[in-house]
């Protein structure tokens, strides 16, 4: 039961594809190769899944059909590409393409996580320090201003009001903030606010351009792999839409899939959406005219992946001054609120 609740790690799937490609290329039967991988794998979930899949293959099922019950673990794109590879007799090439695709996705995710560690630590430290100051430091400092409340400057009055509110309602405020955060997360993840929230992300300075690059890189890479596997463009667009994390791109690709069926060119469809940069539209138009759409998309994916990697490497340098300015405003406001009444008291003598 515990194993069934687990997810197959990305690194385990990359390892599996890399080794499976080598074994199939060397002429080893698919079922034997999967059996070897199930015995050597480090992921308990992947070992269990591969063991069951190889048994079904020995029982006469195709690799794609055996994967269907485990689509949640491998993804729709994975299953469809395997099915196309088996139908075309190019399973070896499909495995290699999937390995490259997953490895690039994993690299981008790792870059994003590494880039966000520093800002998250700083923000969490600022929040923790603010809570500590509000609960333990300010009440003691503001106590000496209590008798002078009528003559206190506005910043000090605001500070005292905030401090009193936090100390009085702390037990309610903490759970309430957590509840609001959870509710917001649920609504923006699967609720009606999801599309609006993702549109806002794309329009936000700094975050927006990065999000566009990440989504374009993922879309181009997935579309290239699917088209290269001879999956029809409308189906490729639908599959790609389902793996997109941003709802705006997901909706655009779903609509594009239906419009392509009516005979409209992909470049002309992309022109109708502001989320696709001009270079994407122009390159897709060239790919359609020359019959090399998969190669053009592959080049675009590599270009945007390099852009994302460079941006992620420089992101801490961009965010650090903003965090320092924010901390400066916070510390400066606190200092002014405390020093002003002290200055007023000393000036009276």
Protein backbone atom coordinates (compact mmCIF):
# COMPACT_ATOMS: atom_id res chain seq x y z
CA UNK A 1 0.00 0.00 0.00
CA UNK A 2 2.85 2.36 0.86
CA UNK A 3 4.58 1.65 -2.47
CA UNK A 4 1.36 2.31 -4.40
CA UNK A 5 1.11 5.77 -2.82
CA UNK A 6 4.62 6.66 -3.99
CA UNK A 7 5.52 8.41 -7.24
CA UNK A 8 8.32 7.28 -9.55
CA UNK A 9 11.18 9.81 -9.15
CA UNK A 10 12.32 11.70 -12.25
CA UNK A 11 15.90 10.52 -11.75
CA UNK A 12 14.73 6.89 -11.65
CA UNK A 13 12.84 7.27 -14.95
CA UNK A 14 15.87 8.91 -16.58
CA UNK A 15 18.09 6.06 -15.38
CA UNK A 16 15.58 3.50 -16.66
CA UNK A 17 15.31 5.08 -20.13
CA UNK A 18 19.06 5.44 -20.52
CA UNK A 19 19.72 1.80 -19.67
CA UNK A 20 16.69 0.47 -21.55
CA UNK A 21 17.86 2.28 -24.70
CA UNK A 22 21.32 0.69 -24.41
CA UNK A 23 19.88 -2.81 -23.81
CA UNK A 24 17.39 -2.61 -26.72
CA UNK A 25 20.13 -1.27 -28.99
CA UNK A 26 22.32 -4.23 -28.01
CA UNK A 27 19.54 -6.64 -29.09
CA UNK A 28 18.26 -7.71 -25.67
CA UNK A 29 14.53 -8.65 -25.64
CA UNK A 30 12.32 -5.97 -24.11
CA UNK A 31 10.90 -8.19 -21.35
CA UNK A 32 14.38 -9.34 -20.29
CA UNK A 33 15.66 -5.75 -20.28
CA UNK A 34 12.77 -4.62 -18.09
CA UNK A 35 13.32 -7.56 -15.75
CA UNK A 36 16.98 -6.60 -15.32
CA UNK A 37 16.03 -2.97 -14.62
CA UNK A 38 13.40 -4.04 -12.08
CA UNK A 39 16.08 -5.96 -10.17
CA UNK A 40 18.70 -3.20 -10.34
CA UNK A 41 16.51 -0.16 -9.73
CA UNK A 42 16.75 1.83 -6.48
CA UNK A 43 13.15 3.08 -6.53
CA UNK A 44 10.80 0.56 -4.89
CA UNK A 45 7.84 1.87 -6.89
CA UNK A 46 9.69 1.64 -10.24
CA UNK A 47 10.94 -1.87 -9.44
CA UNK A 48 7.38 -3.00 -8.71
CA UNK A 49 5.96 -1.34 -11.84
CA UNK A 50 8.66 -2.69 -14.18
CA UNK A 51 8.23 -6.18 -12.73
CA UNK A 52 4.50 -6.10 -13.48
CA UNK A 53 5.02 -4.59 -16.95
CA UNK A 54 7.52 -7.23 -18.03
CA UNK A 55 5.12 -9.97 -16.92
CA UNK A 56 2.34 -8.45 -19.04
CA UNK A 57 4.70 -8.20 -22.04
CA UNK A 58 5.57 -11.89 -21.65
CA UNK A 59 1.84 -12.52 -21.61
CA UNK A 60 1.48 -11.00 -25.08
CA UNK A 61 0.75 -7.34 -24.44
CA UNK A 62 2.60 -4.51 -26.17
CA UNK A 63 4.84 -2.21 -24.16
CA UNK A 64 2.39 0.71 -24.56
CA UNK A 65 -0.61 -1.37 -23.46
CA UNK A 66 1.31 -2.65 -20.44
CA UNK A 67 2.15 0.98 -19.54
CA UNK A 68 -1.45 2.22 -19.68
CA UNK A 69 -2.36 1.30 -16.06
CA UNK A 70 0.69 3.28 -14.94
CA UNK A 71 0.08 6.41 -17.02
CA UNK A 72 -0.14 8.44 -13.80
CA UNK A 73 3.49 7.52 -13.05
CA UNK A 74 4.95 7.93 -16.53
CA UNK A 75 2.66 10.52 -18.12
CA UNK A 76 0.51 10.58 -21.24
CA UNK A 77 3.36 11.77 -23.44
CA UNK A 78 5.53 8.82 -22.39
CA UNK A 79 2.83 6.24 -23.19
CA UNK A 80 1.87 7.82 -26.53
CA UNK A 81 5.47 8.05 -27.71
CA UNK A 82 6.11 4.41 -26.78
CA UNK A 83 2.98 3.39 -28.70
CA UNK A 84 4.11 5.39 -31.76
CA UNK A 85 7.61 3.90 -31.51
CA UNK A 86 6.26 0.35 -31.44
CA UNK A 87 3.93 1.04 -34.37
CA UNK A 88 6.76 2.49 -36.49
CA UNK A 89 9.34 -0.09 -35.41
CA UNK A 90 11.56 2.65 -33.97
CA UNK A 91 11.24 1.96 -30.24
CA UNK A 92 14.98 2.40 -29.80
CA UNK A 93 14.89 5.96 -31.20
CA UNK A 94 11.81 6.85 -29.14
CA UNK A 95 13.48 5.69 -25.93
CA UNK A 96 16.46 7.90 -26.71
CA UNK A 97 14.20 10.89 -27.42
CA UNK A 98 12.30 10.33 -24.17
CA UNK A 99 15.57 10.08 -22.26
CA UNK A 100 16.77 13.40 -23.69
CA UNK A 101 13.39 15.04 -23.04
CA UNK A 102 13.16 13.92 -19.41
CA UNK A 103 16.78 14.82 -18.74
CA UNK A 104 16.27 18.37 -20.08
CA UNK A 105 13.07 18.79 -18.04
CA UNK A 106 14.85 17.57 -14.92
CA UNK A 107 17.76 19.95 -15.55
CA UNK A 108 15.44 22.96 -15.86
CA UNK A 109 13.53 21.99 -12.68
CA UNK A 110 16.80 21.57 -10.77
CA UNK A 111 18.03 24.97 -11.96
CA UNK A 112 14.78 26.62 -10.84
CA UNK A 113 14.86 24.93 -7.42
CA UNK A 114 18.51 25.85 -6.85
CA UNK A 115 17.89 29.46 -7.90
CA UNK A 116 14.91 29.80 -5.52
CA UNK A 117 16.62 28.39 -2.42
CA UNK A 118 18.41 31.64 -1.50
CA UNK A 119 15.39 33.99 -1.90
CA UNK A 120 13.13 31.57 0.00
CA UNK A 121 15.60 31.34 2.91
CA UNK A 122 15.89 35.15 3.08
CA UNK A 123 12.12 35.70 2.94
CA UNK A 124 11.47 33.03 5.61
CA UNK A 125 14.16 34.58 7.84
CA UNK A 126 12.57 38.03 7.39
CA UNK A 127 9.11 36.70 8.30
CA UNK A 128 10.44 34.82 11.35
CA UNK A 129 12.39 37.88 12.51
CA UNK A 130 9.35 40.12 12.04
CA UNK A 131 7.17 37.78 14.11
CA UNK A 132 9.82 37.63 16.85
CA UNK A 133 10.13 41.43 16.97
CA UNK A 134 6.35 41.94 17.01
CA UNK A 135 5.73 39.45 19.82
CA UNK A 136 8.78 39.76 22.10
CA UNK A 137 10.64 43.00 21.36
CA UNK A 138 8.10 45.70 20.46
CA UNK A 139 5.75 45.23 23.44
CA UNK A 140 8.66 45.99 25.82
CA UNK A 141 9.81 48.99 23.80
CA UNK A 142 6.37 50.50 23.28
CA UNK A 143 5.49 50.12 26.96
CA UNK A 144 7.42 53.27 27.84
CA UNK A 145 5.43 55.21 25.20
CA UNK A 146 2.06 54.22 26.69
CA UNK A 147 1.65 57.37 28.78
CA UNK A 148 2.56 59.55 25.81
CA UNK A 149 0.10 57.91 23.40
CA UNK A 150 -1.66 61.19 22.64
CA UNK A 151 1.55 62.86 21.54
CA UNK A 152 3.05 59.96 19.65
CA UNK A 153 3.94 60.37 15.96
CA UNK A 154 1.88 58.44 13.39
CA UNK A 155 4.55 55.77 12.57
CA UNK A 156 4.83 54.89 16.27
CA UNK A 157 1.04 54.67 16.68
CA UNK A 158 0.84 52.32 13.67
CA UNK A 159 3.66 50.19 15.09
CA UNK A 160 2.01 49.94 18.50
CA UNK A 161 -1.36 49.04 16.92
CA UNK A 162 0.21 46.27 14.81
CA UNK A 163 2.18 44.92 17.78
CA UNK A 164 -0.92 44.87 20.02
CA UNK A 165 -3.00 43.18 17.34
CA UNK A 166 -0.37 40.47 16.75
CA UNK A 167 0.18 39.73 20.45
CA UNK A 168 -3.57 39.74 21.23
CA UNK A 169 -4.73 37.65 18.26
CA UNK A 170 -1.61 35.56 17.64
CA UNK A 171 -3.30 32.22 18.35
CA UNK A 172 -6.05 33.00 15.83
CA UNK A 173 -3.90 34.86 13.31
CA UNK A 174 -1.42 32.01 12.75
CA UNK A 175 -3.96 29.30 11.80
CA UNK A 176 -5.99 31.88 9.83
CA UNK A 177 -2.98 32.80 7.65
CA UNK A 178 -2.23 29.10 7.05
CA UNK A 179 -5.90 28.47 6.15
CA UNK A 180 -5.93 31.41 3.69
CA UNK A 181 -2.71 30.17 2.12
CA UNK A 182 -4.09 26.63 1.69
CA UNK A 183 -7.37 27.97 0.24
CA UNK A 184 -5.50 30.23 -2.17
CA UNK A 185 -3.23 27.34 -3.21
CA UNK A 186 -6.20 25.08 -3.91
CA UNK A 187 -8.10 27.71 -5.89
CA UNK A 188 -5.08 28.65 -8.01
CA UNK A 189 -4.15 25.01 -8.57
CA UNK A 190 -7.46 23.56 -9.72
CA UNK A 191 -10.17 26.12 -9.06
CA UNK A 192 -11.68 28.97 -11.07
CA UNK A 193 -8.85 31.37 -10.17
CA UNK A 194 -6.22 29.16 -11.82
CA UNK A 195 -6.35 30.84 -15.24
CA UNK A 196 -6.44 34.37 -13.78
CA UNK A 197 -3.52 33.61 -11.46
CA UNK A 198 -1.40 32.19 -14.28
CA UNK A 199 -2.20 35.20 -16.48
CA UNK A 200 -1.03 37.45 -13.65
CA UNK A 201 2.21 35.45 -13.32
CA UNK A 202 2.97 35.94 -17.03
CA UNK A 203 2.48 39.72 -16.69
CA UNK A 204 4.54 40.12 -13.51
CA UNK A 205 7.98 41.79 -13.91
CA UNK A 206 10.98 39.42 -13.62
CA UNK A 207 8.77 36.38 -12.91
CA UNK A 208 6.72 36.75 -16.12
CA UNK A 209 9.58 36.59 -18.68
CA UNK A 210 11.13 33.65 -16.82
CA UNK A 211 7.80 31.78 -16.82
CA UNK A 212 7.38 32.41 -20.56
CA UNK A 213 10.84 31.00 -21.29
CA UNK A 214 10.22 27.91 -19.15
CA UNK A 215 6.85 27.17 -20.78
CA UNK A 216 8.11 27.79 -24.33
CA UNK A 217 11.13 25.53 -23.73
CA UNK A 218 8.94 22.73 -22.39
CA UNK A 219 6.34 23.14 -25.12
CA UNK A 220 8.89 23.19 -27.95
CA UNK A 221 10.76 20.17 -26.60
CA UNK A 222 7.62 18.09 -26.11
CA UNK A 223 6.11 19.03 -29.49
CA UNK A 224 9.39 18.26 -31.26
CA UNK A 225 9.64 14.80 -29.68
CA UNK A 226 5.99 13.96 -30.41
CA UNK A 227 6.04 15.14 -34.04
CA UNK A 228 9.34 13.36 -34.62
CA UNK A 229 7.62 10.16 -33.45
CA UNK A 230 5.01 10.64 -36.24
CA UNK A 231 2.17 11.51 -33.87
CA UNK A 232 -0.25 13.86 -35.72
CA UNK A 233 0.13 17.56 -34.88
CA UNK A 234 -3.39 17.95 -33.36
CA UNK A 235 -2.76 15.00 -31.04
CA UNK A 236 0.74 16.27 -30.26
CA UNK A 237 -0.71 19.65 -29.26
CA UNK A 238 -3.27 18.00 -26.95
CA UNK A 239 -0.66 15.81 -25.27
CA UNK A 240 1.68 18.78 -24.86
CA UNK A 241 -1.15 20.88 -23.43
CA UNK A 242 -1.73 18.32 -20.66
CA UNK A 243 1.89 18.46 -19.49
CA UNK A 244 2.03 22.28 -19.38
CA UNK A 245 2.08 23.70 -15.86
CA UNK A 246 0.68 27.10 -16.91
CA UNK A 247 -3.09 27.11 -17.58
CA UNK A 248 -2.79 29.91 -20.17
CA UNK A 249 -0.50 27.82 -22.39
CA UNK A 250 -2.59 24.73 -21.73
CA UNK A 251 -5.76 26.48 -22.93
CA UNK A 252 -3.97 27.97 -25.97
CA UNK A 253 -2.59 24.60 -27.08
CA UNK A 254 -5.93 22.85 -26.59
CA UNK A 255 -7.66 25.46 -28.74
CA UNK A 256 -4.84 25.30 -31.30
CA UNK A 257 -5.36 21.54 -31.59
CA UNK A 258 -8.97 22.06 -32.66
CA UNK A 259 -8.11 24.88 -35.06
CA UNK A 260 -5.39 22.80 -36.75
CA UNK A 261 -8.03 20.19 -37.61
CA UNK A 262 -9.87 22.86 -39.62
CA UNK A 263 -6.85 23.37 -41.86
CA UNK A 264 -5.32 26.46 -40.24
CA UNK A 265 -1.52 26.51 -40.09
CA UNK A 266 0.11 26.27 -36.68
CA UNK A 267 1.96 29.58 -37.12
CA UNK A 268 -1.32 31.35 -37.96
CA UNK A 269 -2.94 29.84 -34.89
CA UNK A 270 -0.08 30.97 -32.63
CA UNK A 271 -0.50 34.54 -33.95
CA UNK A 272 -3.88 34.66 -32.22
CA UNK A 273 -2.29 34.30 -28.76
CA UNK A 274 -0.08 36.88 -27.07
CA UNK A 275 1.72 34.24 -25.00
CA UNK A 276 3.78 33.07 -28.00
CA UNK A 277 6.77 35.32 -28.79
CA UNK A 278 7.22 36.59 -32.35
CA UNK A 279 10.33 34.45 -32.86
CA UNK A 280 8.28 31.31 -32.11
CA UNK A 281 5.65 32.24 -34.70
CA UNK A 282 8.27 33.04 -37.34
CA UNK A 283 10.30 29.88 -36.74
CA UNK A 284 7.17 27.68 -36.74
CA UNK A 285 6.13 29.27 -40.06
CA UNK A 286 9.55 28.44 -41.52
CA UNK A 287 9.33 24.88 -40.20
CA UNK A 288 5.91 24.36 -41.76
CA UNK A 289 7.02 25.74 -45.12
CA UNK A 290 10.18 23.60 -45.25
CA UNK A 291 8.60 20.46 -43.75
CA UNK A 292 11.08 20.46 -40.85
CA UNK A 293 8.82 21.56 -38.00
CA UNK A 294 10.21 18.98 -35.56
CA UNK A 295 13.81 20.14 -36.18
CA UNK A 296 12.85 23.81 -35.83
CA UNK A 297 11.03 23.13 -32.57
CA UNK A 298 14.01 21.16 -31.29
CA UNK A 299 16.30 24.13 -31.99
CA UNK A 300 13.86 26.47 -30.27
CA UNK A 301 13.71 24.18 -27.25
CA UNK A 302 17.51 24.14 -26.96
CA UNK A 303 17.66 27.93 -27.33
CA UNK A 304 15.09 28.58 -24.62
CA UNK A 305 16.54 25.93 -22.31
CA UNK A 306 19.89 27.71 -22.48
CA UNK A 307 18.09 31.00 -21.80
CA UNK A 308 16.38 29.51 -18.74
CA UNK A 309 19.64 28.09 -17.41
CA UNK A 310 21.44 31.42 -17.81
CA UNK A 311 18.54 33.29 -16.20
CA UNK A 312 18.42 30.89 -13.26
CA UNK A 313 22.16 31.32 -12.70
CA UNK A 314 21.82 35.11 -12.60
CA UNK A 315 18.49 35.19 -10.72
CA UNK A 316 20.00 35.40 -7.20
CA UNK A 317 22.04 38.41 -8.34
CA UNK A 318 18.84 40.08 -9.62
CA UNK A 319 16.73 39.29 -6.55
CA UNK A 320 19.37 40.09 -3.90
CA UNK A 321 19.21 43.92 -4.32
CA UNK A 322 15.40 43.81 -4.20
CA UNK A 323 15.49 41.81 -0.98
CA UNK A 324 18.05 44.20 0.51
CA UNK A 325 15.84 47.20 -0.38
CA UNK A 326 12.82 45.48 1.19
CA UNK A 327 14.79 44.72 4.35
CA UNK A 328 16.05 48.30 4.38
CA UNK A 329 12.50 49.68 4.27
CA UNK A 330 11.42 47.34 7.05
CA UNK A 331 14.35 48.11 9.37
CA UNK A 332 14.23 51.81 8.52
CA UNK A 333 10.50 52.06 9.24
CA UNK A 334 10.96 50.23 12.54
CA UNK A 335 13.85 52.51 13.55
CA UNK A 336 11.92 55.69 12.67
CA UNK A 337 8.85 54.53 14.63
CA UNK A 338 10.99 53.93 17.74
CA UNK A 339 13.44 56.86 17.51
CA UNK A 340 10.90 59.62 16.76
CA UNK A 341 9.11 59.50 20.15
CA UNK A 342 12.45 59.18 21.97
CA UNK A 343 13.67 62.26 20.14
CA UNK A 344 10.44 64.09 21.05
CA UNK A 345 10.86 63.16 24.73
CA UNK A 346 14.48 64.32 24.92
CA UNK A 347 13.74 67.58 23.08
CA UNK A 348 11.24 68.56 25.81
CA UNK A 349 13.97 68.75 28.44
